[in-house]
């Protein structure tokens, strides 16, 4: 991000953390320097059903909390059960992190992206002022790789492959395959405040 040419369109999945530009807890990037450098930036905050997200986070959180940004108290959670650590991670980012960008972020849902990637992409283009028709070939190629199930067309992001488990048939609602009822009941109170805010419910 440092030294980037913001006079032309650029997109970042998540700006990288940098020791020289410390971020407030909950974000991987310092918000004020980013806004100073790119005043017209559009921020998309993507959310996912917390119980599905917890299932997805297990590998990385289990590897010395290898999902970022880590909550400031992450070391205090290391002796707790993995699922609770994942729930804490999701809740912290979607409360403390989101609060810092809420006034200018567009909230988008993982489920909408997976169910209808083409419409999702067109809506994102409209928000940033990109002519979707001119980029239709690129979008169609991307949309064909976004799937709710593993199949020949699905293409997982390279950075995600080391954090994947082949223990579910579908991405939406995977918690029903991965969690017991007791586990879901135990975890829900940890995430319910942020979940409700984003329109997610226990069932």
C-alpha atoms as a PDB file:
ATOM      1  CA  UNK A   1       0.000   0.000   0.000  1.00  0.00           C
ATOM      2  CA  UNK A   2       2.875   2.360   0.775  1.00  0.00           C
ATOM      3  CA  UNK A   3       3.871   4.195  -2.390  1.00  0.00           C
ATOM      4  CA  UNK A   4       0.902   2.876  -4.368  1.00  0.00           C
ATOM      5  CA  UNK A   5      -0.333   4.940  -7.279  1.00  0.00           C
ATOM      6  CA  UNK A   6      -3.866   5.838  -6.235  1.00  0.00           C
ATOM      7  CA  UNK A   7      -4.487   7.882  -9.380  1.00  0.00           C
ATOM      8  CA  UNK A   8      -5.655   4.697 -11.106  1.00  0.00           C
ATOM      9  CA  UNK A   9      -8.134   2.052  -9.908  1.00  0.00           C
ATOM     10  CA  UNK A  10      -6.625  -0.429  -7.466  1.00  0.00           C
ATOM     11  CA  UNK A  11      -8.178  -3.163  -5.342  1.00  0.00           C
ATOM     12  CA  UNK A  12      -6.877  -4.816  -2.191  1.00  0.00           C
ATOM     13  CA  UNK A  13      -8.389  -7.899  -0.628  1.00  0.00           C
ATOM     14  CA  UNK A  14      -7.002  -6.735   2.722  1.00  0.00           C
ATOM     15  CA  UNK A  15      -4.232  -4.125   2.978  1.00  0.00           C
ATOM     16  CA  UNK A  16      -1.147  -5.731   4.477  1.00  0.00           C
ATOM     17  CA  UNK A  17      -0.097  -5.089   8.032  1.00  0.00           C
ATOM     18  CA  UNK A  18       3.052  -3.027   8.415  1.00  0.00           C
ATOM     19  CA  UNK A  19       5.201  -2.319  11.485  1.00  0.00           C
ATOM     20  CA  UNK A  20       5.757   1.188  10.181  1.00  0.00           C
ATOM     21  CA  UNK A  21       2.030   1.854  10.005  1.00  0.00           C
ATOM     22  CA  UNK A  22       0.438   0.346  13.117  1.00  0.00           C
ATOM     23  CA  UNK A  23      -3.306  -0.157  13.031  1.00  0.00           C
ATOM     24  CA  UNK A  24      -5.872   0.169  15.770  1.00  0.00           C
ATOM     25  CA  UNK A  25      -7.040  -3.205  17.141  1.00  0.00           C
ATOM     26  CA  UNK A  26      -9.522  -4.899  14.831  1.00  0.00           C
ATOM     27  CA  UNK A  27      -8.055  -3.654  11.549  1.00  0.00           C
ATOM     28  CA  UNK A  28      -4.991  -4.825   9.635  1.00  0.00           C
ATOM     29  CA  UNK A  29      -4.334  -1.332   8.282  1.00  0.00           C
ATOM     30  CA  UNK A  30      -4.092   2.185   9.755  1.00  0.00           C
ATOM     31  CA  UNK A  31      -7.330   3.822   8.714  1.00  0.00           C
ATOM     32  CA  UNK A  32      -6.338   7.490   8.790  1.00  0.00           C
ATOM     33  CA  UNK A  33      -3.190   7.183   6.598  1.00  0.00           C
ATOM     34  CA  UNK A  34      -5.181   5.067   4.150  1.00  0.00           C
ATOM     35  CA  UNK A  35      -7.939   7.662   3.898  1.00  0.00           C
ATOM     36  CA  UNK A  36      -5.370  10.446   3.579  1.00  0.00           C
ATOM     37  CA  UNK A  37      -3.688   8.631   0.685  1.00  0.00           C
ATOM     38  CA  UNK A  38      -6.883   7.522  -1.040  1.00  0.00           C
ATOM     39  CA  UNK A  39      -9.687   9.892  -0.124  1.00  0.00           C
ATOM     40  CA  UNK A  40     -12.193   8.353  -2.516  1.00  0.00           C
ATOM     41  CA  UNK A  41     -11.529   4.772  -1.467  1.00  0.00           C
ATOM     42  CA  UNK A  42     -14.501   2.416  -1.198  1.00  0.00           C
ATOM     43  CA  UNK A  43     -14.319  -0.040   1.671  1.00  0.00           C
ATOM     44  CA  UNK A  44     -16.215  -3.333   1.432  1.00  0.00           C
ATOM     45  CA  UNK A  45     -16.731  -5.149   4.715  1.00  0.00           C
ATOM     46  CA  UNK A  46     -17.529  -8.760   3.936  1.00  0.00           C
ATOM     47  CA  UNK A  47     -19.337 -10.747   6.592  1.00  0.00           C
ATOM     48  CA  UNK A  48     -20.210 -14.400   6.866  1.00  0.00           C
ATOM     49  CA  UNK A  49     -22.543 -16.300   9.166  1.00  0.00           C
ATOM     50  CA  UNK A  50     -20.452 -16.523  12.343  1.00  0.00           C
ATOM     51  CA  UNK A  51     -20.914 -20.248  12.868  1.00  0.00           C
ATOM     52  CA  UNK A  52     -19.754 -20.947   9.301  1.00  0.00           C
ATOM     53  CA  UNK A  53     -16.860 -18.516   9.787  1.00  0.00           C
ATOM     54  CA  UNK A  54     -15.847 -20.252  13.020  1.00  0.00           C
ATOM     55  CA  UNK A  55     -15.613 -23.564  11.165  1.00  0.00           C
ATOM     56  CA  UNK A  56     -13.492 -21.958   8.450  1.00  0.00           C
ATOM     57  CA  UNK A  57     -11.164 -20.245  10.934  1.00  0.00           C
ATOM     58  CA  UNK A  58     -10.193 -23.404  12.829  1.00  0.00           C
ATOM     59  CA  UNK A  59      -7.042 -24.298  10.890  1.00  0.00           C
ATOM     60  CA  UNK A  60      -5.492 -20.831  10.972  1.00  0.00           C
ATOM     61  CA  UNK A  61      -6.435 -20.052  14.556  1.00  0.00           C
ATOM     62  CA  UNK A  62      -5.089 -23.444  15.573  1.00  0.00           C
ATOM     63  CA  UNK A  63      -1.721 -22.552  14.004  1.00  0.00           C
ATOM     64  CA  UNK A  64      -0.578 -19.954  16.533  1.00  0.00           C
ATOM     65  CA  UNK A  65      -3.549 -17.732  15.683  1.00  0.00           C
ATOM     66  CA  UNK A  66      -2.474 -17.405  12.073  1.00  0.00           C
ATOM     67  CA  UNK A  67      -5.428 -15.212  11.071  1.00  0.00           C
ATOM     68  CA  UNK A  68      -4.984 -11.474  11.176  1.00  0.00           C
ATOM     69  CA  UNK A  69      -5.519  -9.063  12.658  1.00  0.00           C
ATOM     70  CA  UNK A  70      -5.256 -10.855  15.975  1.00  0.00           C
ATOM     71  CA  UNK A  71      -7.292  -9.506  18.895  1.00  0.00           C
ATOM     72  CA  UNK A  72      -5.012  -7.739  21.402  1.00  0.00           C
ATOM     73  CA  UNK A  73      -5.750 -10.396  24.026  1.00  0.00           C
ATOM     74  CA  UNK A  74      -5.230 -13.390  21.750  1.00  0.00           C
ATOM     75  CA  UNK A  75      -2.506 -14.927  23.938  1.00  0.00           C
ATOM     76  CA  UNK A  76      -4.912 -15.007  26.880  1.00  0.00           C
ATOM     77  CA  UNK A  77      -7.178 -17.281  24.842  1.00  0.00           C
ATOM     78  CA  UNK A  78      -4.573 -19.861  23.846  1.00  0.00           C
ATOM     79  CA  UNK A  79      -5.496 -22.282  26.635  1.00  0.00           C
ATOM     80  CA  UNK A  80      -9.174 -22.170  25.747  1.00  0.00           C
ATOM     81  CA  UNK A  81     -10.867 -24.499  23.293  1.00  0.00           C
ATOM     82  CA  UNK A  82     -10.243 -23.851  19.607  1.00  0.00           C
ATOM     83  CA  UNK A  83     -13.870 -23.128  18.748  1.00  0.00           C
ATOM     84  CA  UNK A  84     -14.065 -20.465  21.459  1.00  0.00           C
ATOM     85  CA  UNK A  85     -10.898 -18.850  20.094  1.00  0.00           C
ATOM     86  CA  UNK A  86     -12.438 -18.733  16.626  1.00  0.00           C
ATOM     87  CA  UNK A  87     -15.647 -17.224  17.983  1.00  0.00           C
ATOM     88  CA  UNK A  88     -13.688 -14.567  19.840  1.00  0.00           C
ATOM     89  CA  UNK A  89     -11.740 -13.720  16.695  1.00  0.00           C
ATOM     90  CA  UNK A  90     -14.903 -13.286  14.588  1.00  0.00           C
ATOM     91  CA  UNK A  91     -16.711 -11.264  17.247  1.00  0.00           C
ATOM     92  CA  UNK A  92     -13.801  -8.923  17.912  1.00  0.00           C
ATOM     93  CA  UNK A  93     -13.173  -8.097  14.260  1.00  0.00           C
ATOM     94  CA  UNK A  94     -16.849  -7.580  13.534  1.00  0.00           C
ATOM     95  CA  UNK A  95     -17.305  -5.318  16.526  1.00  0.00           C
ATOM     96  CA  UNK A  96     -14.076  -3.392  17.200  1.00  0.00           C
ATOM     97  CA  UNK A  97     -12.875  -3.572  13.611  1.00  0.00           C
ATOM     98  CA  UNK A  98     -16.153  -2.754  11.917  1.00  0.00           C
ATOM     99  CA  UNK A  99     -16.885   0.131  14.298  1.00  0.00           C
ATOM    100  CA  UNK A 100     -13.900   2.001  12.850  1.00  0.00           C
ATOM    101  CA  UNK A 101     -15.111   1.841   9.238  1.00  0.00           C
ATOM    102  CA  UNK A 102     -18.872   1.613   9.707  1.00  0.00           C
ATOM    103  CA  UNK A 103     -19.532   5.188   8.597  1.00  0.00           C
ATOM    104  CA  UNK A 104     -17.968   4.607   5.175  1.00  0.00           C
ATOM    105  CA  UNK A 105     -18.032   0.858   4.548  1.00  0.00           C
ATOM    106  CA  UNK A 106     -20.408  -1.084   2.317  1.00  0.00           C
ATOM    107  CA  UNK A 107     -21.362  -4.320   4.053  1.00  0.00           C
ATOM    108  CA  UNK A 108     -21.457  -7.286   1.699  1.00  0.00           C
ATOM    109  CA  UNK A 109     -22.336 -10.856   2.571  1.00  0.00           C
ATOM    110  CA  UNK A 110     -20.354 -13.974   1.748  1.00  0.00           C
ATOM    111  CA  UNK A 111     -23.604 -15.832   1.166  1.00  0.00           C
ATOM    112  CA  UNK A 112     -24.723 -13.381  -1.527  1.00  0.00           C
ATOM    113  CA  UNK A 113     -21.385 -13.742  -3.278  1.00  0.00           C
ATOM    114  CA  UNK A 114     -21.571 -17.542  -3.317  1.00  0.00           C
ATOM    115  CA  UNK A 115     -25.243 -17.766  -4.291  1.00  0.00           C
ATOM    116  CA  UNK A 116     -25.039 -15.318  -7.195  1.00  0.00           C
ATOM    117  CA  UNK A 117     -21.458 -14.251  -7.907  1.00  0.00           C
ATOM    118  CA  UNK A 118     -22.304 -12.507 -11.171  1.00  0.00           C
ATOM    119  CA  UNK A 119     -24.864 -10.205  -9.548  1.00  0.00           C
ATOM    120  CA  UNK A 120     -22.542  -9.685  -6.596  1.00  0.00           C
ATOM    121  CA  UNK A 121     -19.733  -8.575  -8.922  1.00  0.00           C
ATOM    122  CA  UNK A 122     -21.985  -6.223 -10.882  1.00  0.00           C
ATOM    123  CA  UNK A 123     -23.211  -4.600  -7.663  1.00  0.00           C
ATOM    124  CA  UNK A 124     -19.639  -4.104  -6.483  1.00  0.00           C
ATOM    125  CA  UNK A 125     -18.703  -2.528  -9.814  1.00  0.00           C
ATOM    126  CA  UNK A 126     -21.645  -0.146  -9.546  1.00  0.00           C
ATOM    127  CA  UNK A 127     -20.519   0.967  -6.090  1.00  0.00           C
ATOM    128  CA  UNK A 128     -17.012   1.844  -7.285  1.00  0.00           C
ATOM    129  CA  UNK A 129     -18.038   3.324 -10.629  1.00  0.00           C
ATOM    130  CA  UNK A 130     -16.645   0.581 -12.863  1.00  0.00           C
ATOM    131  CA  UNK A 131     -18.482  -0.226 -16.086  1.00  0.00           C
ATOM    132  CA  UNK A 132     -19.416  -3.858 -15.536  1.00  0.00           C
ATOM    133  CA  UNK A 133     -20.213  -4.404 -19.213  1.00  0.00           C
ATOM    134  CA  UNK A 134     -16.638  -3.531 -20.182  1.00  0.00           C
ATOM    135  CA  UNK A 135     -15.318  -6.030 -17.644  1.00  0.00           C
ATOM    136  CA  UNK A 136     -17.853  -8.767 -18.377  1.00  0.00           C
ATOM    137  CA  UNK A 137     -15.309 -11.329 -19.586  1.00  0.00           C
ATOM    138  CA  UNK A 138     -13.198 -10.947 -16.443  1.00  0.00           C
ATOM    139  CA  UNK A 139     -16.249 -11.081 -14.193  1.00  0.00           C
ATOM    140  CA  UNK A 140     -17.661 -14.150 -15.896  1.00  0.00           C
ATOM    141  CA  UNK A 141     -14.365 -15.975 -15.453  1.00  0.00           C
ATOM    142  CA  UNK A 142     -14.267 -15.041 -11.767  1.00  0.00           C
ATOM    143  CA  UNK A 143     -17.929 -15.866 -11.187  1.00  0.00           C
ATOM    144  CA  UNK A 144     -17.481 -19.336 -12.670  1.00  0.00           C
ATOM    145  CA  UNK A 145     -14.883 -20.111  -9.981  1.00  0.00           C
ATOM    146  CA  UNK A 146     -17.079 -19.053  -7.048  1.00  0.00           C
ATOM    147  CA  UNK A 147     -19.054 -22.081  -5.892  1.00  0.00           C
ATOM    148  CA  UNK A 148     -20.938 -23.227  -2.813  1.00  0.00           C
ATOM    149  CA  UNK A 149     -19.569 -26.757  -3.230  1.00  0.00           C
ATOM    150  CA  UNK A 150     -16.275 -28.268  -4.310  1.00  0.00           C
ATOM    151  CA  UNK A 151     -16.422 -29.176  -7.974  1.00  0.00           C
ATOM    152  CA  UNK A 152     -14.356 -28.943 -11.138  1.00  0.00           C
ATOM    153  CA  UNK A 153     -15.169 -25.253 -11.602  1.00  0.00           C
ATOM    154  CA  UNK A 154     -14.360 -24.126  -8.074  1.00  0.00           C
ATOM    155  CA  UNK A 155     -11.079 -22.276  -7.641  1.00  0.00           C
ATOM    156  CA  UNK A 156      -9.900 -21.605  -4.114  1.00  0.00           C
ATOM    157  CA  UNK A 157      -7.752 -18.550  -3.457  1.00  0.00           C
ATOM    158  CA  UNK A 158      -4.096 -19.526  -3.198  1.00  0.00           C
ATOM    159  CA  UNK A 159      -3.733 -17.865   0.197  1.00  0.00           C
ATOM    160  CA  UNK A 160      -6.678 -19.870   1.545  1.00  0.00           C
ATOM    161  CA  UNK A 161      -5.583 -23.348   0.544  1.00  0.00           C
ATOM    162  CA  UNK A 162      -3.422 -23.973   3.597  1.00  0.00           C
ATOM    163  CA  UNK A 163      -6.326 -23.066   5.862  1.00  0.00           C
ATOM    164  CA  UNK A 164      -8.915 -25.391   4.332  1.00  0.00           C
ATOM    165  CA  UNK A 165     -10.545 -28.535   5.650  1.00  0.00           C
ATOM    166  CA  UNK A 166     -12.290 -31.007   3.386  1.00  0.00           C
ATOM    167  CA  UNK A 167     -14.924 -31.736   5.992  1.00  0.00           C
ATOM    168  CA  UNK A 168     -18.053 -30.196   4.508  1.00  0.00           C
ATOM    169  CA  UNK A 169     -20.194 -30.484   1.398  1.00  0.00           C
ATOM    170  CA  UNK A 170     -21.324 -26.841   1.208  1.00  0.00           C
ATOM    171  CA  UNK A 171     -19.909 -23.494   2.278  1.00  0.00           C
ATOM    172  CA  UNK A 172     -23.220 -21.941   3.229  1.00  0.00           C
ATOM    173  CA  UNK A 173     -24.459 -23.668   6.358  1.00  0.00           C
ATOM    174  CA  UNK A 174     -21.288 -25.722   6.812  1.00  0.00           C
ATOM    175  CA  UNK A 175     -21.639 -25.353  10.564  1.00  0.00           C
ATOM    176  CA  UNK A 176     -24.485 -27.866  10.442  1.00  0.00           C
ATOM    177  CA  UNK A 177     -21.966 -30.411   9.181  1.00  0.00           C
ATOM    178  CA  UNK A 178     -19.068 -29.383  11.414  1.00  0.00           C
ATOM    179  CA  UNK A 179     -20.606 -28.442  14.766  1.00  0.00           C
ATOM    180  CA  UNK A 180     -22.732 -30.362  17.194  1.00  0.00           C
ATOM    181  CA  UNK A 181     -25.870 -28.733  18.561  1.00  0.00           C
ATOM    182  CA  UNK A 182     -24.177 -28.318  21.939  1.00  0.00           C
ATOM    183  CA  UNK A 183     -21.213 -26.595  20.305  1.00  0.00           C
ATOM    184  CA  UNK A 184     -23.422 -24.225  18.351  1.00  0.00           C
ATOM    185  CA  UNK A 185     -25.454 -23.457  21.479  1.00  0.00           C
ATOM    186  CA  UNK A 186     -22.269 -22.735  23.429  1.00  0.00           C
ATOM    187  CA  UNK A 187     -20.729 -20.510  20.751  1.00  0.00           C
ATOM    188  CA  UNK A 188     -23.752 -18.464  19.735  1.00  0.00           C
ATOM    189  CA  UNK A 189     -23.807 -16.150  22.798  1.00  0.00           C
ATOM    190  CA  UNK A 190     -20.202 -15.184  22.017  1.00  0.00           C
ATOM    191  CA  UNK A 191     -21.103 -13.888  18.561  1.00  0.00           C
ATOM    192  CA  UNK A 192     -24.785 -13.011  18.834  1.00  0.00           C
ATOM    193  CA  UNK A 193     -24.416  -9.249  19.292  1.00  0.00           C
ATOM    194  CA  UNK A 194     -22.422  -8.719  16.104  1.00  0.00           C
ATOM    195  CA  UNK A 195     -24.321 -11.465  14.289  1.00  0.00           C
ATOM    196  CA  UNK A 196     -27.689  -9.827  14.888  1.00  0.00           C
ATOM    197  CA  UNK A 197     -26.345  -6.493  13.743  1.00  0.00           C
ATOM    198  CA  UNK A 198     -25.432  -8.036  10.391  1.00  0.00           C
ATOM    199  CA  UNK A 199     -28.726  -9.911  10.085  1.00  0.00           C
ATOM    200  CA  UNK A 200     -27.543 -13.371  11.095  1.00  0.00           C
ATOM    201  CA  UNK A 201     -29.486 -15.578  13.470  1.00  0.00           C
ATOM    202  CA  UNK A 202     -28.960 -18.890  15.238  1.00  0.00           C
ATOM    203  CA  UNK A 203     -31.180 -20.813  12.803  1.00  0.00           C
END
